[in-house]
Protein backbone atom coordinates (compact mmCIF):
# COMPACT_ATOMS: atom_id res chain seq x y z
CA UNK A 1 -37.46 -4.65 -7.45
CA UNK A 2 -36.62 -6.76 -4.41
CA UNK A 3 -39.99 -6.02 -2.81
CA UNK A 4 -41.72 -8.05 -5.52
CA UNK A 5 -40.14 -11.24 -4.15
CA UNK A 6 -41.90 -12.66 -1.06
CA UNK A 7 -39.45 -13.53 1.71
CA UNK A 8 -40.30 -17.24 1.65
CA UNK A 9 -39.84 -17.44 -2.12
CA UNK A 10 -36.56 -15.56 -1.81
CA UNK A 11 -35.41 -17.92 0.93
CA UNK A 12 -36.34 -20.95 -1.15
CA UNK A 13 -34.47 -19.59 -4.17
CA UNK A 14 -31.36 -18.90 -2.08
CA UNK A 15 -31.43 -22.35 -0.50
CA UNK A 16 -31.80 -24.03 -3.90
CA UNK A 17 -28.87 -21.95 -5.18
CA UNK A 18 -26.83 -22.91 -2.14
CA UNK A 19 -27.70 -26.56 -2.63
CA UNK A 20 -26.62 -26.52 -6.25
CA UNK A 21 -23.27 -24.93 -5.51
CA UNK A 22 -22.55 -26.96 -2.38
CA UNK A 23 -23.17 -30.22 -4.24
CA UNK A 24 -21.24 -29.14 -7.35
CA UNK A 25 -17.77 -30.10 -5.99
CA UNK A 26 -18.95 -33.70 -5.56
CA UNK A 27 -19.39 -34.05 -9.31
CA UNK A 28 -16.27 -32.24 -10.49
CA UNK A 29 -12.82 -33.81 -10.85
CA UNK A 30 -11.14 -31.54 -8.29
CA UNK A 31 -7.40 -31.55 -7.88
CA UNK A 32 -4.80 -29.36 -6.23
CA UNK A 33 -4.56 -27.13 -9.30
CA UNK A 34 -5.20 -23.40 -8.70
CA UNK A 35 -8.26 -23.43 -10.99
CA UNK A 36 -9.89 -26.40 -9.24
CA UNK A 37 -9.18 -24.98 -5.80
CA UNK A 38 -10.51 -21.60 -6.93
CA UNK A 39 -13.79 -23.17 -8.07
CA UNK A 40 -14.07 -25.05 -4.78
CA UNK A 41 -13.50 -21.89 -2.71
CA UNK A 42 -16.00 -19.99 -4.87
CA UNK A 43 -18.65 -22.70 -4.48
CA UNK A 44 -18.32 -22.59 -0.70
CA UNK A 45 -18.57 -18.79 -0.69
CA UNK A 46 -21.67 -18.72 -2.93
CA UNK A 47 -23.31 -21.39 -0.78
CA UNK A 48 -22.58 -19.50 2.45
CA UNK A 49 -23.85 -16.15 1.16
CA UNK A 50 -27.01 -17.70 -0.35
CA UNK A 51 -27.90 -19.39 2.95
CA UNK A 52 -27.20 -16.16 4.83
CA UNK A 53 -29.48 -14.11 2.55
CA UNK A 54 -32.21 -16.74 3.00
CA UNK A 55 -31.76 -16.62 6.78
CA UNK A 56 -32.21 -12.84 6.94
CA UNK A 57 -35.19 -12.84 4.56
CA UNK A 58 -37.04 -15.71 6.23
CA UNK A 59 -36.27 -14.92 9.88
CA UNK A 60 -37.29 -11.25 9.69
CA UNK A 61 -40.23 -11.62 7.29
CA UNK A 62 -43.27 -9.53 8.19
CA UNK A 63 -41.75 -7.84 11.23
CA UNK A 64 -41.64 -4.03 11.48
CA UNK A 65 -38.04 -2.98 12.00
CA UNK A 66 -38.86 -0.77 14.99
CA UNK A 67 -40.23 -3.52 17.26
CA UNK A 68 -38.34 -5.39 20.00
CA UNK A 69 -38.96 -8.79 18.40
CA UNK A 70 -37.33 -7.61 15.16
CA UNK A 71 -34.27 -6.31 17.01
CA UNK A 72 -33.94 -9.56 19.00
CA UNK A 73 -34.21 -11.75 15.91
CA UNK A 74 -31.89 -9.49 13.94
CA UNK A 75 -29.17 -9.93 16.57
CA UNK A 76 -29.66 -13.71 16.44
CA UNK A 77 -29.40 -13.76 12.63
CA UNK A 78 -26.31 -11.53 12.79
CA UNK A 79 -24.64 -14.02 15.15
CA UNK A 80 -25.61 -17.09 13.08
CA UNK A 81 -24.40 -15.40 9.91
CA UNK A 82 -21.15 -14.27 11.51
CA UNK A 83 -20.42 -17.85 12.66
CA UNK A 84 -21.22 -19.08 9.14
CA UNK A 85 -18.82 -16.53 7.68
CA UNK A 86 -16.14 -17.44 10.23
CA UNK A 87 -16.37 -21.10 9.20
CA UNK A 88 -16.10 -20.12 5.51
CA UNK A 89 -12.97 -18.07 6.18
CA UNK A 90 -11.38 -20.87 8.21
CA UNK A 91 -12.06 -23.48 5.51
CA UNK A 92 -11.17 -21.34 2.49
CA UNK A 93 -8.15 -19.81 4.27
CA UNK A 94 -5.82 -17.41 2.45
CA UNK A 95 -7.48 -14.21 1.32
CA UNK A 96 -10.76 -15.18 2.98
CA UNK A 97 -8.98 -15.06 6.36
CA UNK A 98 -7.54 -11.68 5.38
CA UNK A 99 -11.01 -10.49 4.33
CA UNK A 100 -12.54 -11.68 7.60
CA UNK A 101 -9.88 -9.87 9.62
CA UNK A 102 -10.41 -6.75 7.52
CA UNK A 103 -14.19 -6.83 8.09
CA UNK A 104 -13.79 -7.41 11.85
CA UNK A 105 -11.76 -4.20 12.14
CA UNK A 106 -14.54 -2.01 10.69
CA UNK A 107 -16.66 0.07 13.06
CA UNK A 108 -19.64 0.14 10.68
CA UNK A 109 -20.52 -3.55 11.03
CA UNK A 110 -22.75 -5.12 13.73
CA UNK A 111 -20.90 -6.16 16.89
CA UNK A 112 -21.89 -9.81 16.33
CA UNK A 113 -19.69 -9.83 13.22
CA UNK A 114 -16.74 -7.91 14.64
CA UNK A 115 -16.55 -10.04 17.81
CA UNK A 116 -16.94 -13.36 15.98
CA UNK A 117 -14.51 -12.63 13.14
CA UNK A 118 -11.89 -11.15 15.47
CA UNK A 119 -10.93 -14.73 16.43
CA UNK A 120 -9.51 -15.41 12.94
CA UNK A 121 -5.82 -16.33 13.00
CA UNK A 122 -3.64 -15.79 9.94
CA UNK A 123 -1.63 -19.03 10.25
CA UNK A 124 -1.16 -21.71 7.61
CA UNK A 125 0.85 -24.83 6.86
CA UNK A 126 4.15 -23.56 5.36
CA UNK A 127 5.19 -24.31 1.79
CA UNK A 128 7.85 -26.91 1.07
CA UNK A 129 11.30 -25.29 0.87
CA UNK A 130 11.76 -26.54 -2.71
CA UNK A 131 8.98 -24.15 -3.78
CA UNK A 132 10.38 -21.30 -1.67
CA UNK A 133 13.86 -21.86 -3.11
CA UNK A 134 12.50 -21.39 -6.65
CA UNK A 135 11.04 -18.01 -5.64
CA UNK A 136 14.37 -16.98 -4.07
CA UNK A 137 16.41 -17.98 -7.13
CA UNK A 138 14.04 -16.31 -9.61
CA UNK A 139 14.01 -13.07 -7.59
CA UNK A 140 17.60 -12.85 -6.34
CA UNK A 141 19.30 -14.49 -9.32
CA UNK A 142 21.41 -16.85 -7.21
CA UNK A 143 21.07 -20.02 -5.18
CA UNK A 144 20.66 -19.33 -1.42
CA UNK A 145 23.92 -21.22 -0.76
CA UNK A 146 25.78 -18.57 -2.77
CA UNK A 147 24.25 -15.67 -0.84
CA UNK A 148 24.12 -16.97 2.72
CA UNK A 149 26.51 -18.69 5.13
CA UNK A 150 23.55 -20.70 6.35
CA UNK A 151 19.83 -20.68 5.63
CA UNK A 152 17.24 -22.34 7.86
CA UNK A 153 14.92 -24.23 5.52
CA UNK A 154 12.28 -24.46 8.27
CA UNK A 155 10.29 -21.20 8.41
CA UNK A 156 10.04 -19.35 11.71
CA UNK A 157 6.60 -18.01 10.71
CA UNK A 158 4.01 -18.70 8.02
CA UNK A 159 0.87 -16.77 7.06
CA UNK A 160 -1.56 -16.58 4.15
CA UNK A 161 0.67 -14.83 1.61
CA UNK A 162 4.25 -15.52 2.73
CA UNK A 163 6.57 -17.27 5.15
CA UNK A 164 9.69 -16.07 6.96
CA UNK A 165 13.09 -17.80 7.14
CA UNK A 166 16.11 -17.12 9.35
CA UNK A 167 19.52 -16.90 7.62
CA UNK A 168 23.02 -15.44 7.89
CA UNK A 169 24.76 -13.39 5.21
CA UNK A 170 28.33 -14.01 4.11
CA UNK A 171 29.42 -11.09 6.32
CA UNK A 172 27.80 -12.86 9.33
CA UNK A 173 24.81 -10.55 9.67
CA UNK A 174 21.63 -12.35 10.72
CA UNK A 175 18.61 -11.67 8.52
CA UNK A 176 14.92 -12.52 8.34
CA UNK A 177 13.72 -13.27 4.81
CA UNK A 178 10.04 -12.96 3.97
CA UNK A 179 9.20 -14.96 0.83
CA UNK A 180 5.90 -14.58 -1.00
CA UNK A 181 4.17 -17.75 -2.14
CA UNK A 182 4.19 -18.34 -5.92
CA UNK A 183 0.95 -17.60 -7.79
CA UNK A 184 -0.54 -15.76 -4.83
CA UNK A 185 -1.44 -12.67 -6.90
CA UNK A 186 -3.50 -14.72 -9.39
CA UNK A 187 -5.26 -16.40 -6.48
CA UNK A 188 -6.03 -13.00 -4.98
CA UNK A 189 -7.54 -11.73 -8.25
CA UNK A 190 -9.81 -14.79 -8.55
CA UNK A 191 -10.98 -14.60 -4.93
CA UNK A 192 -11.66 -10.86 -5.00
CA UNK A 193 -13.56 -11.23 -8.29
CA UNK A 194 -15.87 -13.71 -6.55
CA UNK A 195 -16.20 -11.33 -3.58
CA UNK A 196 -17.33 -8.56 -5.96
CA UNK A 197 -19.97 -10.89 -7.45
CA UNK A 198 -21.20 -11.88 -4.00
CA UNK A 199 -21.48 -8.21 -3.01
CA UNK A 200 -23.72 -7.66 -6.06
CA UNK A 201 -25.77 -10.74 -5.13
CA UNK A 202 -26.43 -9.37 -1.64
CA UNK A 203 -27.29 -5.92 -3.02
CA UNK A 204 -29.88 -7.46 -5.33
CA UNK A 205 -31.84 -8.79 -2.34
CA UNK A 206 -30.94 -5.97 0.06
CA UNK A 207 -30.65 -2.73 -1.97
CA UNK A 208 -29.85 -0.79 1.21
CA UNK A 209 -26.63 -2.76 1.60
CA UNK A 210 -23.93 -1.91 -0.92
CA UNK A 211 -20.71 -3.76 -0.19
CA UNK A 212 -18.71 -3.13 -3.37
CA UNK A 213 -16.85 -0.32 -1.58
CA UNK A 214 -15.85 -2.81 1.11
CA UNK A 215 -14.42 -5.25 -1.44
CA UNK A 216 -12.66 -2.36 -3.21
CA UNK A 217 -11.00 -1.22 0.02
CA UNK A 218 -9.96 -4.77 0.88
CA UNK A 219 -8.56 -5.35 -2.63
CA UNK A 220 -6.54 -2.13 -2.42
CA UNK A 221 -5.19 -3.05 1.03
CA UNK A 222 -4.21 -6.59 0.07
CA UNK A 223 -2.59 -5.39 -3.18
CA UNK A 224 -0.32 -3.13 -1.13
CA UNK A 225 0.46 -6.03 1.20
CA UNK A 226 1.63 -8.10 -1.77
CA UNK A 227 4.14 -5.39 -2.74
CA UNK A 228 7.19 -6.13 -0.58
CA UNK A 229 9.12 -3.16 -1.97
CA UNK A 230 6.39 -0.87 -0.63
CA UNK A 231 6.53 -2.72 2.69
CA UNK A 232 10.28 -2.13 2.82
CA UNK A 233 9.71 1.60 2.22
CA UNK A 234 7.20 1.58 5.08
CA UNK A 235 9.87 0.05 7.34
CA UNK A 236 12.22 2.90 6.50
CA UNK A 237 9.50 5.48 7.11
CA UNK A 238 8.80 3.94 10.53
CA UNK A 239 12.51 3.86 11.29
CA UNK A 240 12.67 7.58 10.57
CA UNK A 241 9.60 8.31 12.69
CA UNK A 242 10.93 6.37 15.69
CA UNK A 243 14.61 7.28 15.43
CA UNK A 244 14.44 9.20 18.74
CA UNK A 245 12.43 6.55 20.59
CA UNK A 246 14.76 4.26 22.55
CA UNK A 247 11.95 1.76 23.20
CA UNK A 248 11.33 0.94 19.52
CA UNK A 249 13.71 -0.82 17.17
CA UNK A 250 12.95 -1.13 13.45
CA UNK A 251 14.83 -3.81 11.43
CA UNK A 252 17.14 -2.48 8.71
CA UNK A 253 16.28 -3.37 5.10
CA UNK A 254 18.80 -5.07 2.80
CA UNK A 255 17.78 -3.53 -0.51
CA UNK A 256 20.10 -5.66 -2.65
CA UNK A 257 18.18 -8.73 -1.45
CA UNK A 258 14.68 -7.23 -1.64
CA UNK A 259 12.16 -7.46 -4.51
CA UNK A 260 8.38 -7.42 -4.90
CA UNK A 261 8.31 -11.05 -3.70
CA UNK A 262 11.29 -11.23 -1.33
CA UNK A 263 11.88 -8.95 1.66
CA UNK A 264 15.20 -9.24 3.50
CA UNK A 265 15.64 -7.41 6.78
CA UNK A 266 17.83 -7.38 9.86
CA UNK A 267 16.99 -10.21 12.28
CA UNK A 268 16.12 -8.82 15.71
CA UNK A 269 15.96 -11.25 18.62
CA UNK A 270 13.00 -10.61 20.86
CA UNK A 271 9.56 -11.61 22.08
CA UNK A 272 6.02 -10.69 21.09
CA UNK A 273 4.50 -7.62 22.68
CA UNK A 274 1.73 -9.81 24.14
CA UNK A 275 4.17 -12.23 25.83
CA UNK A 276 3.19 -11.13 29.35
CA UNK A 277 5.29 -13.80 31.12
CA UNK A 278 8.48 -12.62 29.37
CA UNK A 279 7.70 -8.94 29.97
CA UNK A 280 7.12 -9.47 33.68
CA UNK A 281 10.25 -11.63 33.91
CA UNK A 282 12.24 -8.71 32.48
CA UNK A 283 10.46 -6.34 34.92
CA UNK A 284 8.73 -4.58 32.03
CA UNK A 285 5.24 -3.20 32.65
CA UNK A 286 2.96 -4.92 30.05
CA UNK A 287 0.52 -2.00 30.07
CA UNK A 288 3.26 0.55 29.38
CA UNK A 289 4.72 -1.56 26.57
CA UNK A 290 1.24 -1.76 25.01
CA UNK A 291 0.93 2.04 25.14
CA UNK A 292 4.29 2.38 23.34
CA UNK A 293 3.20 -0.23 20.78
CA UNK A 294 -0.08 1.56 20.05
CA UNK A 295 1.60 4.96 19.82
């Protein structure tokens, strides 16, 4: 039982664990290989969670949970822990950023976490086009030069699982091509496996907190996000739902150039819904456009 472990002993154990894992990368021959990077990300995550558990146990030790001092300290620990988690997500990037964004959207979590993690931005350094080209050829069966009149090798957007390129088909239709990064599914499986283990670690010290359901929901959501065919179907469903709304335009899908890893859609020129300067310049009410967006 957790109650058998004094808070100070628990904190010491967690800090020793964190120290072991945080120092481990210094002694391992790390490289850019997926396995090495996976171990490095896992070590950071274990270290962060161990320190966080120690912080909660030590800071709140001996305080009844119905007193003002407990509530004040709890809020402080929440904020420290949220900042720690934010830093972990920013350093580990990829699915950790996705996980942080997912957690920040939940109503069940303390406001210190939701407010802190809401600042996470899903932006990364794009992959070299040579790598992207290999994904295109393996999925579409032809070199981009055979399928497109021109293809901009510089992405117009890049996130944690894919990047988007602007191109023109042989019939002069402009398209946006979303290309999934190679090996991203294996990376996701490794990271979520570690997240499951960390959820069990937390539950061991805090039986009242069971986070496996949270990891399960995140894993299910991210698995769907990796399926570009499903995303294309969602586009068509949205197009159907908004067919009578003149304010909303949904890009058309090019199914002959769409696979699980490549999504090709009509390129629509425009601006972001939060580009207030552009909206006002076009005499569009930003508040009304936001209402349409949310609807």
